[in-house]
Structure formats: structure tokens, C-alpha cells
Amino acid sequence: MFKEHLNFINEKLSPQSSDLHEYFEAQRNLHKEVDVPRFATAVDGIVAEFFETRNTDDARHIKLELGDMLFYVLLLAASIDIEPFEIWVDSGDSILETLETLAEHKKKVFYQGLPFDRELVKRCHGLLIGYIREAAQTIGSTLEEVLQMNRNKLEGRYKKGFTVEESNNRKDGDL
């Protein structure tokens, strides 16, 4: 039954989802509109860091995770070359709805050939900045403080720039 369903799934996949050459060709074409590696890293990082904030009630740990999330939100701004910190607060969307919108857009653009929507990504960026600011305020912090904590953490971890070794072998207390 599962093997039959797997065959069915394989028949329904887009070329970008089933063929490495097609995947890379789609990424090359998309790179004309967005910095693909930064965009992909930002979206995946934002989602992962959001869920890490949900695993603790320790204010310091939350600040560090918010700093990580803010790192990726700023990377998102860089991926589409917009000014960071443009905050949108006129939305009824929750942070989960915004993350869902962003992740769904990435999926459809990367794997289903949907055109890249810069305005949608810009709006998500602004909403996420607003959510992070509110979360920081809730625990008595500011965007500036969580940014500085993130910077200090990354400078301490990667003294000469990113390395796989330092990323995968962190010191005690390095979240």
C-alpha cells in the first residue's frame, strides 16, 4: 500500500521537487529576483527559532532565541534588499499565520513554480519585526538588547567567521 502511494506521489511531484537539475535551474532563475541562499536560510531559520522560543519560560533563554530569530528576520530583509526594521502592526495575523504564509510562499516558489512575491515577503518581514519587538517587551527587553545578545553570542562562537566545527560543537550554555 505505501509503495503504491509512493509511486503515486512521485508521479505528482513538480520537476523542481523530483529532479536535481530542474531544482537548481529554478533556483538560478529565482536568484534574479531574490538572494536565494539568504532567503531560504532566513525562512528556515525564522521558523526553527520560533519553535525554540516555545520550549522555555526562562527570560534569558527567550532573549537569546529572539535574538536568533531577529538575526534571520534581518537576513530576510537582506535577501530582498529592503531596509530592515520597517514594522507593520496593522495586521490581525498571528505570528504562526505569518510564519505559515512565509513558509508556504517559499514552498510554492521553490517547488511549484509560483512567481516570487516581494511585497508579501516584505510584509511578513515587517510583521515579524513587530512580533519580536512585542515579545521582547513582554520579558522586559528591547530589540536592541536582543540584537546585542545575539551579536555577542555569535562573536563568541565564531571568532573567525562561520565554521561547521564550531556550529556543531558548542560550549556548555551556548544555545
N, C-alpha and C. Protein backbone atom coordinates (compact mmCIF):
# COMPACT_ATOMS: atom_id res chain seq x y z
N MET A 1 0.82 -1.19 0.00
CA MET A 1 0.00 0.00 0.00
C MET A 1 0.87 1.27 0.00
N PHE A 2 1.87 1.31 0.89
CA PHE A 2 2.71 2.51 0.97
C PHE A 2 3.57 2.66 -0.28
N LYS A 3 4.08 1.55 -0.79
CA LYS A 3 4.90 1.62 -2.00
C LYS A 3 4.06 2.13 -3.17
N GLU A 4 2.83 1.67 -3.26
CA GLU A 4 1.93 2.14 -4.33
C GLU A 4 1.67 3.64 -4.17
N HIS A 5 1.46 4.08 -2.94
CA HIS A 5 1.22 5.50 -2.71
C HIS A 5 2.47 6.33 -3.00
N LEU A 6 3.64 5.79 -2.68
CA LEU A 6 4.89 6.48 -3.00
C LEU A 6 5.03 6.65 -4.51
N ASN A 7 4.68 5.64 -5.27
CA ASN A 7 4.70 5.76 -6.74
C ASN A 7 3.74 6.85 -7.19
N PHE A 8 2.56 6.91 -6.59
CA PHE A 8 1.58 7.95 -6.90
C PHE A 8 2.17 9.33 -6.61
N ILE A 9 2.78 9.49 -5.44
CA ILE A 9 3.39 10.77 -5.05
C ILE A 9 4.46 11.16 -6.06
N ASN A 10 5.31 10.22 -6.43
CA ASN A 10 6.38 10.51 -7.38
C ASN A 10 5.84 11.00 -8.72
N GLU A 11 4.68 10.49 -9.13
CA GLU A 11 4.07 10.94 -10.39
C GLU A 11 3.55 12.37 -10.28
N LYS A 12 3.23 12.82 -9.08
CA LYS A 12 2.60 14.14 -8.89
C LYS A 12 3.59 15.24 -8.53
N LEU A 13 4.84 14.90 -8.30
CA LEU A 13 5.83 15.91 -7.93
C LEU A 13 6.15 16.84 -9.09
N SER A 14 6.41 18.09 -8.75
CA SER A 14 6.87 19.04 -9.76
C SER A 14 8.29 18.68 -10.18
N PRO A 15 8.72 19.17 -11.35
CA PRO A 15 10.11 18.91 -11.76
C PRO A 15 11.13 19.43 -10.73
N GLN A 16 10.84 20.59 -10.11
CA GLN A 16 11.77 21.15 -9.12
C GLN A 16 11.88 20.27 -7.88
N SER A 17 10.83 19.47 -7.61
CA SER A 17 10.83 18.61 -6.42
C SER A 17 11.40 17.23 -6.69
N SER A 18 11.55 16.87 -7.96
CA SER A 18 11.94 15.49 -8.26
C SER A 18 13.23 15.36 -9.08
N ASP A 19 13.74 16.47 -9.57
CA ASP A 19 14.93 16.41 -10.42
C ASP A 19 15.92 17.47 -9.97
N LEU A 20 17.10 17.05 -9.57
CA LEU A 20 18.10 17.98 -9.04
C LEU A 20 18.46 19.07 -10.05
N HIS A 21 18.61 18.71 -11.32
CA HIS A 21 18.93 19.70 -12.35
C HIS A 21 17.81 20.75 -12.44
N GLU A 22 16.56 20.31 -12.46
CA GLU A 22 15.43 21.24 -12.52
C GLU A 22 15.37 22.12 -11.27
N TYR A 23 15.67 21.53 -10.12
CA TYR A 23 15.68 22.30 -8.88
C TYR A 23 16.70 23.44 -8.97
N PHE A 24 17.93 23.11 -9.37
CA PHE A 24 18.97 24.14 -9.46
C PHE A 24 18.67 25.16 -10.55
N GLU A 25 18.08 24.74 -11.64
CA GLU A 25 17.70 25.68 -12.71
C GLU A 25 16.65 26.66 -12.19
N ALA A 26 15.68 26.15 -11.46
CA ALA A 26 14.65 27.03 -10.88
C ALA A 26 15.28 28.01 -9.89
N GLN A 27 16.24 27.54 -9.10
CA GLN A 27 16.91 28.43 -8.14
C GLN A 27 17.73 29.51 -8.87
N ARG A 28 18.39 29.12 -9.97
CA ARG A 28 19.15 30.11 -10.75
C ARG A 28 18.21 31.18 -11.31
N ASN A 29 17.07 30.78 -11.81
CA ASN A 29 16.10 31.75 -12.34
C ASN A 29 15.55 32.64 -11.23
N LEU A 30 15.25 32.05 -10.09
CA LEU A 30 14.72 32.80 -8.96
C LEU A 30 15.74 33.81 -8.43
N HIS A 31 17.01 33.48 -8.53
CA HIS A 31 18.07 34.33 -7.99
C HIS A 31 18.10 35.71 -8.66
N LYS A 32 17.44 35.84 -9.81
CA LYS A 32 17.33 37.15 -10.46
C LYS A 32 16.46 38.10 -9.64
N GLU A 33 15.56 37.53 -8.80
CA GLU A 33 14.62 38.34 -8.03
C GLU A 33 14.95 38.41 -6.54
N VAL A 34 15.62 37.39 -6.03
CA VAL A 34 15.86 37.30 -4.59
C VAL A 34 17.19 36.57 -4.39
N ASP A 35 17.88 36.92 -3.32
CA ASP A 35 19.11 36.21 -2.97
C ASP A 35 18.69 34.85 -2.38
N VAL A 36 18.68 33.84 -3.22
CA VAL A 36 18.10 32.54 -2.89
C VAL A 36 18.71 31.92 -1.63
N PRO A 37 20.04 31.81 -1.50
CA PRO A 37 20.57 31.18 -0.28
C PRO A 37 20.16 31.92 1.00
N ARG A 38 20.20 33.25 0.95
CA ARG A 38 19.81 34.02 2.14
C ARG A 38 18.32 33.88 2.42
N PHE A 39 17.50 33.92 1.38
CA PHE A 39 16.05 33.78 1.55
C PHE A 39 15.72 32.42 2.17
N ALA A 40 16.27 31.35 1.62
CA ALA A 40 15.99 30.00 2.13
C ALA A 40 16.48 29.85 3.57
N THR A 41 17.69 30.34 3.84
CA THR A 41 18.23 30.26 5.19
C THR A 41 17.37 31.06 6.16
N ALA A 42 16.95 32.25 5.74
CA ALA A 42 16.14 33.11 6.60
C ALA A 42 14.81 32.45 6.95
N VAL A 43 14.09 31.97 5.96
CA VAL A 43 12.77 31.37 6.22
C VAL A 43 12.90 30.16 7.13
N ASP A 44 13.82 29.26 6.79
CA ASP A 44 14.00 28.07 7.62
C ASP A 44 14.45 28.43 9.03
N GLY A 45 15.35 29.41 9.14
CA GLY A 45 15.84 29.83 10.45
C GLY A 45 14.77 30.48 11.30
N ILE A 46 13.96 31.34 10.71
CA ILE A 46 12.89 32.01 11.45
C ILE A 46 11.93 30.97 12.04
N VAL A 47 11.52 30.03 11.22
CA VAL A 47 10.57 29.00 11.69
C VAL A 47 11.20 28.18 12.81
N ALA A 48 12.43 27.73 12.63
CA ALA A 48 13.09 26.91 13.65
C ALA A 48 13.26 27.69 14.96
N GLU A 49 13.69 28.94 14.87
CA GLU A 49 13.91 29.73 16.08
C GLU A 49 12.60 30.04 16.79
N PHE A 50 11.52 30.24 16.04
CA PHE A 50 10.23 30.47 16.68
C PHE A 50 9.89 29.29 17.58
N PHE A 51 10.06 28.08 17.06
CA PHE A 51 9.72 26.91 17.86
C PHE A 51 10.66 26.74 19.05
N GLU A 52 11.89 27.19 18.93
CA GLU A 52 12.80 27.14 20.08
C GLU A 52 12.36 28.09 21.19
N THR A 53 11.72 29.22 20.84
CA THR A 53 11.23 30.13 21.89
C THR A 53 10.09 29.50 22.66
N ARG A 54 9.43 28.53 22.07
CA ARG A 54 8.27 27.88 22.71
C ARG A 54 8.70 26.83 23.73
N ASN A 55 9.98 26.49 23.80
CA ASN A 55 10.46 25.40 24.65
C ASN A 55 10.96 25.85 26.01
N THR A 56 10.79 27.11 26.36
CA THR A 56 11.34 27.60 27.62
C THR A 56 10.50 28.75 28.16
N ASP A 57 10.60 28.95 29.46
CA ASP A 57 9.99 30.14 30.06
C ASP A 57 11.06 30.99 30.76
N ASP A 58 12.33 30.65 30.54
CA ASP A 58 13.44 31.40 31.09
C ASP A 58 13.68 32.66 30.25
N ALA A 59 13.60 33.83 30.88
CA ALA A 59 13.69 35.10 30.14
C ALA A 59 15.00 35.23 29.37
N ARG A 60 16.12 34.83 29.96
CA ARG A 60 17.41 34.95 29.26
C ARG A 60 17.43 34.06 28.02
N HIS A 61 16.95 32.84 28.17
CA HIS A 61 16.91 31.91 27.04
C HIS A 61 15.99 32.47 25.94
N ILE A 62 14.85 33.02 26.34
CA ILE A 62 13.93 33.60 25.36
C ILE A 62 14.60 34.76 24.63
N LYS A 63 15.32 35.62 25.36
CA LYS A 63 16.03 36.74 24.72
C LYS A 63 17.02 36.23 23.69
N LEU A 64 17.76 35.18 24.05
CA LEU A 64 18.73 34.62 23.10
C LEU A 64 18.03 34.07 21.86
N GLU A 65 16.92 33.38 22.06
CA GLU A 65 16.19 32.82 20.92
C GLU A 65 15.56 33.93 20.08
N LEU A 66 15.05 34.98 20.73
CA LEU A 66 14.53 36.12 19.98
C LEU A 66 15.64 36.77 19.17
N GLY A 67 16.84 36.84 19.75
CA GLY A 67 17.99 37.37 19.02
C GLY A 67 18.30 36.54 17.79
N ASP A 68 18.23 35.22 17.95
CA ASP A 68 18.45 34.33 16.80
C ASP A 68 17.37 34.54 15.74
N MET A 69 16.13 34.66 16.20
CA MET A 69 15.02 34.87 15.27
C MET A 69 15.20 36.20 14.54
N LEU A 70 15.60 37.23 15.28
CA LEU A 70 15.81 38.54 14.68
C LEU A 70 16.95 38.50 13.67
N PHE A 71 18.00 37.73 13.95
CA PHE A 71 19.09 37.53 13.00
C PHE A 71 18.53 37.06 11.65
N TYR A 72 17.65 36.07 11.69
CA TYR A 72 17.10 35.53 10.45
C TYR A 72 16.09 36.48 9.80
N VAL A 73 15.36 37.26 10.61
CA VAL A 73 14.44 38.24 10.03
C VAL A 73 15.23 39.34 9.31
N LEU A 74 16.37 39.74 9.87
CA LEU A 74 17.23 40.72 9.20
C LEU A 74 17.83 40.12 7.93
N LEU A 75 18.17 38.85 7.98
CA LEU A 75 18.67 38.16 6.78
C LEU A 75 17.58 38.13 5.70
N LEU A 76 16.33 37.96 6.12
CA LEU A 76 15.21 38.00 5.18
C LEU A 76 15.16 39.36 4.48
N ALA A 77 15.33 40.44 5.24
CA ALA A 77 15.35 41.78 4.64
C ALA A 77 16.50 41.90 3.64
N ALA A 78 17.66 41.38 4.01
CA ALA A 78 18.81 41.44 3.11
C ALA A 78 18.57 40.64 1.83
N SER A 79 17.82 39.55 1.94
CA SER A 79 17.59 38.70 0.77
C SER A 79 16.77 39.39 -0.31
N ILE A 80 15.95 40.36 0.09
CA ILE A 80 15.16 41.10 -0.91
C ILE A 80 15.57 42.57 -0.98
N ASP A 81 16.67 42.90 -0.30
CA ASP A 81 17.27 44.23 -0.36
C ASP A 81 16.29 45.32 0.06
N ILE A 82 15.72 45.14 1.28
CA ILE A 82 14.87 46.19 1.84
C ILE A 82 15.49 46.69 3.14
N GLU A 83 15.06 47.85 3.55
CA GLU A 83 15.52 48.42 4.81
C GLU A 83 14.92 47.63 5.96
N PRO A 84 15.75 47.08 6.85
CA PRO A 84 15.20 46.33 7.97
C PRO A 84 14.51 47.26 8.96
N PHE A 85 13.72 46.67 9.80
CA PHE A 85 13.01 47.36 10.88
C PHE A 85 11.81 48.18 10.43
N GLU A 86 11.35 47.96 9.20
CA GLU A 86 10.07 48.55 8.83
C GLU A 86 9.00 47.69 9.49
N ILE A 87 8.33 48.25 10.50
CA ILE A 87 7.41 47.46 11.31
C ILE A 87 5.97 47.66 10.83
N TRP A 88 5.29 46.55 10.62
CA TRP A 88 3.87 46.56 10.27
C TRP A 88 3.11 46.07 11.50
N VAL A 89 2.15 46.82 11.95
CA VAL A 89 1.39 46.40 13.12
C VAL A 89 -0.11 46.39 12.85
N ASP A 90 -0.52 46.65 11.64
CA ASP A 90 -1.94 46.76 11.32
C ASP A 90 -2.55 45.45 10.85
N SER A 91 -1.98 44.35 11.25
CA SER A 91 -2.45 43.05 10.79
C SER A 91 -3.13 42.32 11.93
N GLY A 92 -4.15 41.55 11.59
CA GLY A 92 -4.78 40.68 12.57
C GLY A 92 -4.13 39.31 12.61
N ASP A 93 -3.12 39.11 11.77
CA ASP A 93 -2.46 37.80 11.71
C ASP A 93 -1.66 37.53 12.98
N SER A 94 -1.63 36.27 13.38
CA SER A 94 -0.76 35.86 14.48
C SER A 94 0.62 35.57 13.91
N ILE A 95 1.58 35.39 14.80
CA ILE A 95 2.93 35.07 14.33
C ILE A 95 2.91 33.73 13.59
N LEU A 96 2.11 32.78 14.06
CA LEU A 96 2.04 31.49 13.37
C LEU A 96 1.47 31.65 11.96
N GLU A 97 0.47 32.50 11.81
CA GLU A 97 -0.10 32.73 10.47
C GLU A 97 0.93 33.38 9.56
N THR A 98 1.71 34.29 10.09
CA THR A 98 2.75 34.95 9.30
C THR A 98 3.83 33.95 8.90
N LEU A 99 4.26 33.12 9.85
CA LEU A 99 5.26 32.09 9.53
C LEU A 99 4.72 31.11 8.50
N GLU A 100 3.45 30.75 8.65
CA GLU A 100 2.83 29.84 7.68
C GLU A 100 2.81 30.47 6.29
N THR A 101 2.43 31.73 6.21
CA THR A 101 2.40 32.44 4.93
C THR A 101 3.78 32.45 4.28
N LEU A 102 4.79 32.76 5.07
CA LEU A 102 6.16 32.85 4.55
C LEU A 102 6.68 31.48 4.11
N ALA A 103 6.48 30.47 4.95
CA ALA A 103 6.95 29.11 4.61
C ALA A 103 6.19 28.56 3.41
N GLU A 104 4.89 28.82 3.34
CA GLU A 104 4.08 28.36 2.21
C GLU A 104 4.54 29.04 0.92
N HIS A 105 4.85 30.34 0.99
CA HIS A 105 5.33 31.05 -0.19
C HIS A 105 6.65 30.46 -0.66
N LYS A 106 7.56 30.20 0.28
CA LYS A 106 8.85 29.59 -0.09
C LYS A 106 8.62 28.25 -0.78
N LYS A 107 7.76 27.43 -0.20
CA LYS A 107 7.48 26.11 -0.78
C LYS A 107 6.95 26.24 -2.20
N LYS A 108 5.98 27.13 -2.39
CA LYS A 108 5.37 27.26 -3.72
C LYS A 108 6.34 27.85 -4.74
N VAL A 109 7.17 28.79 -4.30
CA VAL A 109 8.16 29.39 -5.21
C VAL A 109 9.25 28.38 -5.56
N PHE A 110 9.78 27.71 -4.55
CA PHE A 110 10.90 26.79 -4.78
C PHE A 110 10.49 25.53 -5.52
N TYR A 111 9.31 25.00 -5.21
CA TYR A 111 8.97 23.67 -5.69
C TYR A 111 7.79 23.60 -6.65
N GLN A 112 7.03 24.71 -6.78
CA GLN A 112 5.85 24.65 -7.63
C GLN A 112 5.83 25.71 -8.72
N GLY A 113 6.89 26.51 -8.81
CA GLY A 113 7.00 27.47 -9.89
C GLY A 113 6.20 28.75 -9.72
N LEU A 114 5.68 29.01 -8.52
CA LEU A 114 4.95 30.26 -8.28
C LEU A 114 5.90 31.44 -8.39
N PRO A 115 5.48 32.54 -8.98
CA PRO A 115 6.36 33.72 -9.04
C PRO A 115 6.66 34.24 -7.62
N PHE A 116 7.85 34.76 -7.43
CA PHE A 116 8.25 35.33 -6.15
C PHE A 116 7.48 36.61 -5.90
N ASP A 117 6.91 36.75 -4.70
CA ASP A 117 6.12 37.93 -4.34
C ASP A 117 6.90 38.75 -3.31
N ARG A 118 7.64 39.72 -3.80
CA ARG A 118 8.48 40.57 -2.95
C ARG A 118 7.65 41.31 -1.90
N GLU A 119 6.48 41.80 -2.29
CA GLU A 119 5.64 42.56 -1.35
C GLU A 119 5.13 41.68 -0.22
N LEU A 120 4.80 40.44 -0.51
CA LEU A 120 4.36 39.51 0.53
C LEU A 120 5.50 39.27 1.51
N VAL A 121 6.71 39.06 1.01
CA VAL A 121 7.86 38.82 1.88
C VAL A 121 8.17 40.08 2.69
N LYS A 122 8.08 41.23 2.08
CA LYS A 122 8.31 42.50 2.78
C LYS A 122 7.31 42.66 3.92
N ARG A 123 6.05 42.35 3.65
CA ARG A 123 5.01 42.45 4.68
C ARG A 123 5.29 41.47 5.82
N CYS A 124 5.65 40.24 5.50
CA CYS A 124 5.97 39.25 6.53
C CYS A 124 7.14 39.72 7.38
N HIS A 125 8.16 40.29 6.74
CA HIS A 125 9.32 40.82 7.47
C HIS A 125 8.87 41.86 8.49
N GLY A 126 8.07 42.81 8.04
CA GLY A 126 7.60 43.86 8.94
C GLY A 126 6.78 43.33 10.10
N LEU A 127 5.91 42.36 9.82
CA LEU A 127 5.11 41.76 10.88
C LEU A 127 5.99 41.02 11.88
N LEU A 128 6.97 40.28 11.38
CA LEU A 128 7.85 39.53 12.27
C LEU A 128 8.68 40.45 13.16
N ILE A 129 9.16 41.56 12.61
CA ILE A 129 9.87 42.54 13.44
C ILE A 129 8.95 43.02 14.56
N GLY A 130 7.71 43.31 14.22
CA GLY A 130 6.74 43.75 15.23
C GLY A 130 6.50 42.70 16.30
N TYR A 131 6.35 41.44 15.90
CA TYR A 131 6.13 40.36 16.87
C TYR A 131 7.33 40.19 17.79
N ILE A 132 8.53 40.25 17.23
CA ILE A 132 9.73 40.09 18.05
C ILE A 132 9.85 41.26 19.03
N ARG A 133 9.55 42.46 18.57
CA ARG A 133 9.58 43.62 19.45
C ARG A 133 8.60 43.44 20.62
N GLU A 134 7.38 43.00 20.30
CA GLU A 134 6.38 42.78 21.35
C GLU A 134 6.83 41.69 22.33
N ALA A 135 7.39 40.60 21.81
CA ALA A 135 7.86 39.52 22.68
C ALA A 135 8.98 40.01 23.58
N ALA A 136 9.89 40.79 23.02
CA ALA A 136 10.99 41.33 23.82
C ALA A 136 10.45 42.24 24.92
N GLN A 137 9.49 43.08 24.60
CA GLN A 137 8.90 43.98 25.59
C GLN A 137 8.20 43.20 26.69
N THR A 138 7.57 42.09 26.32
CA THR A 138 6.86 41.26 27.29
C THR A 138 7.80 40.73 28.37
N ILE A 139 9.04 40.46 28.01
CA ILE A 139 10.01 39.96 29.00
C ILE A 139 10.95 41.07 29.48
N GLY A 140 10.55 42.32 29.27
CA GLY A 140 11.31 43.45 29.78
C GLY A 140 12.57 43.77 29.00
N SER A 141 12.56 43.51 27.70
CA SER A 141 13.74 43.74 26.88
C SER A 141 13.38 44.62 25.69
N THR A 142 14.36 44.84 24.83
CA THR A 142 14.18 45.65 23.63
C THR A 142 14.78 44.93 22.43
N LEU A 143 14.44 45.38 21.24
CA LEU A 143 15.07 44.83 20.04
C LEU A 143 16.58 45.02 20.09
N GLU A 144 17.00 46.18 20.55
CA GLU A 144 18.43 46.47 20.62
C GLU A 144 19.15 45.50 21.54
N GLU A 145 18.53 45.19 22.69
CA GLU A 145 19.17 44.27 23.64
C GLU A 145 19.26 42.85 23.07
N VAL A 146 18.18 42.37 22.44
CA VAL A 146 18.25 41.01 21.89
C VAL A 146 19.22 40.95 20.72
N LEU A 147 19.31 42.03 19.94
CA LEU A 147 20.31 42.08 18.87
C LEU A 147 21.72 42.01 19.42
N GLN A 148 21.98 42.77 20.48
CA GLN A 148 23.32 42.79 21.07
C GLN A 148 23.67 41.43 21.68
N MET A 149 22.70 40.80 22.35
CA MET A 149 22.94 39.46 22.91
C MET A 149 23.27 38.47 21.79
N ASN A 150 22.55 38.57 20.67
CA ASN A 150 22.80 37.68 19.55
C ASN A 150 24.19 37.92 18.98
N ARG A 151 24.54 39.19 18.84
CA ARG A 151 25.86 39.53 18.31
C ARG A 151 26.97 39.00 19.22
N ASN A 152 26.82 39.21 20.52
CA ASN A 152 27.82 38.73 21.48
C ASN A 152 27.95 37.21 21.41
N LYS A 153 26.82 36.52 21.32
CA LYS A 153 26.85 35.06 21.25
C LYS A 153 27.58 34.59 19.99
N LEU A 154 27.24 35.18 18.85
CA LEU A 154 27.85 34.75 17.58
C LEU A 154 29.33 35.13 17.50
N GLU A 155 29.69 36.30 18.03
CA GLU A 155 31.10 36.67 18.05
C GLU A 155 31.90 35.73 18.95
N GLY A 156 31.29 35.30 20.05
CA GLY A 156 31.96 34.35 20.93
C GLY A 156 32.09 32.97 20.32
N ARG A 157 31.10 32.56 19.56
CA ARG A 157 31.10 31.23 18.96
C ARG A 157 31.98 31.17 17.72
N TYR A 158 31.89 32.18 16.87
CA TYR A 158 32.59 32.17 15.58
C TYR A 158 33.61 33.30 15.54
N LYS A 159 34.72 33.09 16.16
CA LYS A 159 35.72 34.17 16.27
C LYS A 159 36.29 34.60 14.92
N LYS A 160 36.38 33.67 13.97
CA LYS A 160 36.95 33.99 12.65
C LYS A 160 35.94 33.74 11.53
N GLY A 161 34.66 33.81 11.83
CA GLY A 161 33.64 33.51 10.83
C GLY A 161 33.09 32.10 11.04
N PHE A 162 32.05 31.78 10.32
CA PHE A 162 31.35 30.51 10.49
C PHE A 162 32.25 29.32 10.18
N THR A 163 32.16 28.32 11.04
CA THR A 163 32.77 27.02 10.74
C THR A 163 31.78 25.93 11.16
N VAL A 164 31.76 24.85 10.42
CA VAL A 164 30.89 23.72 10.74
C VAL A 164 31.28 23.16 12.11
N GLU A 165 32.57 23.09 12.37
CA GLU A 165 33.07 22.56 13.65
C GLU A 165 32.48 23.33 14.83
N GLU A 166 32.57 24.66 14.79
CA GLU A 166 32.05 25.47 15.90
C GLU A 166 30.53 25.44 15.96
N SER A 167 29.88 25.30 14.84
CA SER A 167 28.42 25.24 14.82
C SER A 167 27.91 23.97 15.48
N ASN A 168 28.60 22.87 15.27
CA ASN A 168 28.14 21.58 15.77
C ASN A 168 28.73 21.17 17.10
N ASN A 169 29.72 21.88 17.60
CA ASN A 169 30.37 21.55 18.87
C ASN A 169 30.39 22.79 19.76
N ARG A 170 29.24 23.11 20.31
CA ARG A 170 29.12 24.32 21.12
C ARG A 170 29.55 24.07 22.56
N LYS A 171 29.96 25.15 23.19
CA LYS A 171 30.35 25.09 24.60
C LYS A 171 29.09 25.01 25.46
N ASP A 172 29.24 24.53 26.70
CA ASP A 172 28.12 24.49 27.63
C ASP A 172 27.51 25.88 27.78
N GLY A 173 26.20 25.94 27.74
CA GLY A 173 25.50 27.21 27.89
C GLY A 173 25.33 27.99 26.60
N ASP A 174 25.98 27.57 25.52
CA ASP A 174 25.84 28.24 24.22
C ASP A 174 24.61 27.67 23.53
N LEU A 175 23.56 28.45 23.52
CA LEU A 175 22.28 27.97 22.98
C LEU A 175 22.24 28.10 21.48
